[in-house]
Amino acid sequence: MTRKLVFGLTLALALAWTAPIREEAALPADAEAAADRLAASPRHGEWIEIREGQGASGGWHDAVRAWITYPERATRAPVVIVIHEIFGLTDWVRGVADQLAGAGYIAIAPDLLTGIGPEGKTPADRQEAVRLVRGLRIEDISRRLTAVGRFAVALPASNGKFGVIGFCWGGGTAFAYSGYEPNLAAAVVYYGTSPDKGAISRITAPVAGFYGSEDMRVNATIPAAEAEMQRLGLQFEKHIYDGAGHGFLRQQSGREGANLKAAESAWSGSLAFLGKHLEFR
């Protein structure tokens, strides 16, 4: 066997055994695949505790547990706070944060049941999480989200801009929170109910909403909010996807393909909206 042939066979074998290049998925995983996708992520993610507010004695009186994921990039990144669903901070929500990091953002998902659930965490029992989340006050939530935002934009890797993205209960919270934080650069609402006129009157950030047409409970709150946003000269982008139901980004296999189609369009639109308002470079 000639050297040339040996070299050719060796090179062919080496190429055959080379691990394939990992391609970034176009969408966050759905609920079933989230844990596996998260475990396979090449990015750095970790649990942190963010302290907020000082009491009269000088000690910290509140803290928020959060999952933070960092992008792999050479320049400073904008920050996106991911607000969880009514089910609390789940693997799926952390997976959304990781997907945002894959798109170049510092993504941080706070557990808004910190200090309330068992051991200060979202309870494993879904119904208990729902019960506890329903008891949260927007004033307390906003204080915590602002603490998370201030922490994140102060990171050396941050460009100083932050936005929020929320789902279901978290979508409604993202919309309402935009009336509580003047430094918020953008709010993305996934199938969340709209705030009342009083809350809308305080909004300064641009808002984008993504909804399924088969979600009348949520969609019934859109017209009044849209009219008030327009009356006040505030920016509100509305996207309603035909045939899609509530929770379409988490349930991508649902409604005979309509949820997946909505998820693909909404996720692309979300990244474009965040990129524009968070000065993504």
Protein backbone atom coordinates (compact mmCIF):
# COMPACT_ATOMS: atom_id res chain seq x y z
CA MET A 1 0.00 0.00 0.00
CA THR A 2 1.46 3.37 -0.99
CA ARG A 3 2.01 6.22 1.44
CA LYS A 4 -0.45 8.33 -0.51
CA LEU A 5 -3.17 5.69 -0.14
CA VAL A 6 -2.42 5.20 3.60
CA PHE A 7 -2.60 8.95 4.16
CA GLY A 8 -5.89 9.12 2.28
CA LEU A 9 -7.43 6.31 4.33
CA THR A 10 -6.19 7.85 7.59
CA LEU A 11 -7.65 11.24 6.67
CA ALA A 12 -10.95 9.66 5.68
CA LEU A 13 -11.18 7.79 8.99
CA ALA A 14 -10.32 10.93 10.95
CA LEU A 15 -13.04 12.89 9.17
CA ALA A 16 -15.51 10.07 9.70
CA TRP A 17 -14.91 10.11 13.47
CA THR A 18 -14.91 13.87 13.87
CA ALA A 19 -17.84 15.00 16.06
CA PRO A 20 -20.43 16.97 14.09
CA ILE A 21 -20.57 20.71 14.58
CA ARG A 22 -23.43 21.56 16.96
CA GLU A 23 -25.97 23.80 15.27
CA GLU A 24 -28.04 26.13 17.43
CA ALA A 25 -31.73 25.24 17.41
CA ALA A 26 -34.00 27.87 15.91
CA LEU A 27 -36.46 27.77 18.82
CA PRO A 28 -36.45 27.10 22.55
CA ALA A 29 -37.28 23.47 23.28
CA ASP A 30 -40.86 22.59 24.10
CA ALA A 31 -41.81 21.44 27.59
CA GLU A 32 -40.92 17.79 26.96
CA ALA A 33 -37.45 18.41 25.54
CA ALA A 34 -36.39 21.36 27.72
CA ALA A 35 -34.41 19.48 30.38
CA ASP A 36 -32.37 17.47 27.86
CA ARG A 37 -31.65 20.52 25.71
CA LEU A 38 -30.56 22.48 28.78
CA ALA A 39 -28.25 19.68 29.94
CA ALA A 40 -26.57 19.64 26.52
CA SER A 41 -26.08 23.41 26.30
CA PRO A 42 -22.50 24.56 25.68
CA ARG A 43 -23.10 27.83 27.52
CA HIS A 44 -22.33 28.73 31.11
CA GLY A 45 -25.41 28.85 33.33
CA GLU A 46 -25.58 28.99 37.10
CA TRP A 47 -27.81 29.63 40.07
CA ILE A 48 -27.22 32.95 41.83
CA GLU A 49 -28.80 34.92 44.64
CA ILE A 50 -29.49 38.61 44.14
CA ARG A 51 -29.93 40.70 47.26
CA GLU A 52 -32.35 43.59 47.13
CA GLY A 53 -33.00 46.42 49.57
CA GLN A 54 -31.51 47.07 52.99
CA GLY A 55 -33.39 47.20 56.27
CA ALA A 56 -32.89 49.70 59.09
CA SER A 57 -30.19 47.53 60.64
CA GLY A 58 -28.21 47.54 57.41
CA GLY A 59 -28.90 43.87 56.66
CA TRP A 60 -30.47 42.68 53.43
CA HIS A 61 -34.20 42.11 53.82
CA ASP A 62 -34.96 40.44 50.50
CA ALA A 63 -33.20 38.12 48.08
CA VAL A 64 -34.10 36.58 44.75
CA ARG A 65 -32.82 33.23 43.53
CA ALA A 66 -32.23 33.27 39.78
CA TRP A 67 -30.80 31.25 36.90
CA ILE A 68 -28.40 33.25 34.73
CA THR A 69 -27.00 32.17 31.38
CA TYR A 70 -24.21 33.92 29.52
CA PRO A 71 -23.71 34.18 25.76
CA GLU A 72 -20.45 33.32 24.03
CA ARG A 73 -19.46 36.61 22.41
CA ALA A 74 -16.55 39.07 22.36
CA THR A 75 -18.58 42.25 22.97
CA ARG A 76 -20.86 43.50 25.72
CA ALA A 77 -24.35 42.01 25.68
CA PRO A 78 -27.82 43.34 26.44
CA VAL A 79 -29.77 41.75 29.30
CA VAL A 80 -33.15 40.00 29.08
CA ILE A 81 -35.07 39.05 32.23
CA VAL A 82 -37.24 35.98 31.64
CA ILE A 83 -40.44 36.05 33.71
CA HIS A 84 -41.81 32.59 34.38
CA GLU A 85 -45.30 31.25 33.88
CA ILE A 86 -47.84 30.74 36.65
CA PHE A 87 -46.20 27.34 37.22
CA GLY A 88 -43.06 28.99 38.61
CA LEU A 89 -39.44 28.73 37.47
CA THR A 90 -39.33 25.45 35.53
CA ASP A 91 -36.75 23.76 33.31
CA TRP A 92 -38.68 25.07 30.33
CA VAL A 93 -38.25 28.68 31.47
CA ARG A 94 -34.54 28.11 32.08
CA GLY A 95 -34.38 26.64 28.59
CA VAL A 96 -35.85 29.84 27.16
CA ALA A 97 -33.14 31.79 28.99
CA ASP A 98 -30.48 29.52 27.49
CA GLN A 99 -31.95 30.03 24.01
CA LEU A 100 -31.73 33.81 24.50
CA ALA A 101 -28.10 33.41 25.55
CA GLY A 102 -27.54 31.44 22.37
CA ALA A 103 -28.87 34.46 20.50
CA GLY A 104 -26.32 36.71 22.23
CA TYR A 105 -28.09 38.00 25.35
CA ILE A 106 -27.28 37.74 29.02
CA ALA A 107 -30.48 36.01 30.15
CA ILE A 108 -31.61 35.80 33.73
CA ALA A 109 -34.69 34.01 35.02
CA PRO A 110 -35.65 34.92 38.59
CA ASP A 111 -37.64 32.59 40.81
CA LEU A 112 -40.35 34.95 41.99
CA LEU A 113 -41.38 32.43 44.62
CA THR A 114 -38.03 32.81 46.38
CA GLY A 115 -38.68 32.92 50.11
CA ILE A 116 -42.29 31.87 49.64
CA GLY A 117 -42.21 28.27 48.45
CA PRO A 118 -40.65 25.31 50.33
CA GLU A 119 -36.95 25.97 51.03
CA GLY A 120 -37.43 29.32 49.34
CA LYS A 121 -37.95 27.78 45.88
CA THR A 122 -40.72 27.07 43.42
CA PRO A 123 -42.53 24.02 44.86
CA ALA A 124 -42.40 20.76 42.94
CA ASP A 125 -46.18 20.47 43.13
CA ARG A 126 -47.60 22.39 40.17
CA GLN A 127 -50.90 23.32 41.79
CA GLU A 128 -49.14 24.68 44.85
CA ALA A 129 -46.92 26.81 42.62
CA VAL A 130 -50.00 28.17 40.86
CA ARG A 131 -51.62 29.00 44.20
CA LEU A 132 -48.55 30.84 45.46
CA VAL A 133 -47.96 32.76 42.24
CA ARG A 134 -51.55 33.97 42.24
CA GLY A 135 -50.92 35.50 45.64
CA LEU A 136 -48.02 37.68 44.49
CA ARG A 137 -48.46 41.47 44.39
CA ILE A 138 -47.28 43.43 41.34
CA GLU A 139 -45.57 45.96 43.60
CA ASP A 140 -43.42 43.24 45.19
CA ILE A 141 -42.78 41.56 41.86
CA SER A 142 -41.70 44.86 40.31
CA ARG A 143 -39.31 45.59 43.15
CA ARG A 144 -37.67 42.23 42.66
CA LEU A 145 -37.49 42.50 38.87
CA THR A 146 -35.86 45.92 39.20
CA ALA A 147 -33.29 44.47 41.61
CA VAL A 148 -32.54 41.71 39.10
CA GLY A 149 -32.26 44.25 36.28
CA ARG A 150 -29.89 46.49 38.22
CA PHE A 151 -27.72 43.53 39.13
CA ALA A 152 -27.55 42.31 35.55
CA VAL A 153 -26.82 45.64 33.83
CA ALA A 154 -23.99 46.24 36.31
CA LEU A 155 -22.20 43.09 35.15
CA PRO A 156 -18.96 43.86 33.28
CA ALA A 157 -20.25 41.86 30.29
CA SER A 158 -23.45 43.93 29.99
CA ASN A 159 -24.05 46.84 27.63
CA GLY A 160 -26.26 48.50 30.25
CA LYS A 161 -29.62 47.86 28.53
CA PHE A 162 -32.28 45.46 29.77
CA GLY A 163 -35.66 44.20 28.71
CA VAL A 164 -38.15 41.61 29.88
CA ILE A 165 -39.91 38.69 28.24
CA GLY A 166 -42.72 36.83 29.95
CA PHE A 167 -45.07 33.93 29.30
CA CYS A 168 -48.70 33.44 30.35
CA TRP A 169 -48.83 34.93 33.88
CA GLY A 170 -45.30 36.16 33.22
CA GLY A 171 -46.47 37.80 29.99
CA GLY A 172 -49.08 39.80 31.84
CA THR A 173 -46.48 40.62 34.46
CA ALA A 174 -44.03 41.82 31.80
CA PHE A 175 -46.71 44.14 30.37
CA ALA A 176 -47.63 45.52 33.80
CA TYR A 177 -43.99 45.85 34.89
CA SER A 178 -43.27 48.15 31.96
CA GLY A 179 -45.32 50.72 33.88
CA TYR A 180 -43.19 50.38 37.00
CA GLU A 181 -39.62 50.61 35.69
CA PRO A 182 -38.62 53.76 33.75
CA ASN A 183 -35.25 52.27 32.78
CA LEU A 184 -36.81 49.29 31.04
CA ALA A 185 -35.88 49.32 27.34
CA ALA A 186 -38.43 46.79 26.00
CA ALA A 187 -41.13 44.35 27.09
CA VAL A 188 -42.15 41.20 25.22
CA VAL A 189 -45.49 39.67 26.15
CA TYR A 190 -46.38 36.08 25.25
CA TYR A 191 -50.11 35.40 25.64
CA GLY A 192 -50.41 37.42 28.85
CA THR A 193 -53.37 39.55 29.91
CA SER A 194 -53.12 43.31 29.41
CA PRO A 195 -52.94 45.78 32.32
CA ASP A 196 -55.62 48.33 33.16
CA LYS A 197 -55.56 51.99 32.11
CA GLY A 198 -53.89 53.09 35.32
CA ALA A 199 -50.92 50.83 34.76
CA ILE A 200 -50.73 51.70 31.06
CA SER A 201 -50.55 55.41 31.89
CA ARG A 202 -47.15 54.80 33.53
CA ILE A 203 -45.62 52.81 30.64
CA THR A 204 -42.62 54.26 28.85
CA ALA A 205 -41.05 51.17 27.23
CA PRO A 206 -42.13 49.78 23.84
CA VAL A 207 -44.19 46.60 24.14
CA ALA A 208 -44.63 43.70 21.72
CA GLY A 209 -47.38 41.12 22.26
CA PHE A 210 -47.62 37.65 20.73
CA TYR A 211 -50.94 35.81 20.99
CA GLY A 212 -52.79 32.75 19.69
CA SER A 213 -56.14 33.34 18.04
CA GLU A 214 -57.73 30.53 20.11
CA ASP A 215 -57.03 32.26 23.43
CA MET A 216 -60.07 34.46 23.96
CA ARG A 217 -59.55 34.79 27.73
CA VAL A 218 -56.33 36.70 27.07
CA ASN A 219 -57.24 38.28 23.75
CA ALA A 220 -60.34 39.91 25.16
CA THR A 221 -58.04 42.21 27.16
CA ILE A 222 -56.09 43.42 24.11
CA PRO A 223 -58.41 45.97 22.42
CA ALA A 224 -58.80 48.31 25.40
CA ALA A 225 -55.06 48.21 26.13
CA GLU A 226 -54.18 48.76 22.49
CA ALA A 227 -56.55 51.74 22.25
CA GLU A 228 -55.10 53.29 25.41
CA MET A 229 -51.52 52.75 24.25
CA GLN A 230 -52.36 54.44 20.95
CA ARG A 231 -54.14 57.31 22.71
CA LEU A 232 -51.06 57.96 24.83
CA GLY A 233 -48.68 57.68 21.88
CA LEU A 234 -47.03 54.54 23.26
CA GLN A 235 -45.51 51.83 21.10
CA PHE A 236 -47.43 48.55 21.06
CA GLU A 237 -46.93 45.82 18.47
CA LYS A 238 -49.63 43.15 18.36
CA HIS A 239 -49.25 39.76 16.66
CA ILE A 240 -52.11 37.23 16.70
CA TYR A 241 -51.48 33.83 15.10
CA ASP A 242 -54.34 32.04 13.42
CA GLY A 243 -55.20 28.66 14.93
CA ALA A 244 -52.64 28.85 17.75
CA GLY A 245 -53.65 28.32 21.35
CA HIS A 246 -52.48 29.58 24.71
CA GLY A 247 -48.92 28.57 25.59
CA PHE A 248 -47.92 27.86 22.00
CA LEU A 249 -44.17 28.33 22.55
CA ARG A 250 -44.17 25.71 25.31
CA GLN A 251 -46.61 23.40 23.49
CA GLN A 252 -45.20 23.52 19.98
CA SER A 253 -46.71 20.21 18.89
CA GLY A 254 -50.25 21.32 19.63
CA ARG A 255 -53.16 22.38 17.45
CA GLU A 256 -52.15 20.50 14.29
CA GLY A 257 -49.09 22.57 13.47
CA ALA A 258 -50.58 25.98 14.27
CA ASN A 259 -48.64 26.27 17.54
CA LEU A 260 -45.31 25.50 15.86
CA LYS A 261 -45.98 27.98 13.08
CA ALA A 262 -46.85 30.63 15.66
CA ALA A 263 -43.76 29.81 17.73
CA GLU A 264 -41.45 30.17 14.75
CA SER A 265 -42.86 33.56 13.77
CA ALA A 266 -43.16 34.87 17.32
CA TRP A 267 -39.63 33.88 18.35
CA SER A 268 -38.12 35.52 15.28
CA GLY A 269 -40.21 38.62 15.93
CA SER A 270 -39.19 38.68 19.58
CA LEU A 271 -35.48 38.62 18.74
CA ALA A 272 -35.91 41.38 16.18
CA PHE A 273 -37.85 43.53 18.65
CA LEU A 274 -35.37 43.01 21.49
CA GLY A 275 -32.41 43.56 19.20
CA LYS A 276 -33.78 46.90 18.03
CA HIS A 277 -34.59 48.31 21.47
CA LEU A 278 -31.71 46.83 23.47
CA GLU A 279 -29.11 48.10 20.99
CA PHE A 280 -27.88 44.61 20.11
CA ARG A 281 -24.51 44.77 18.38
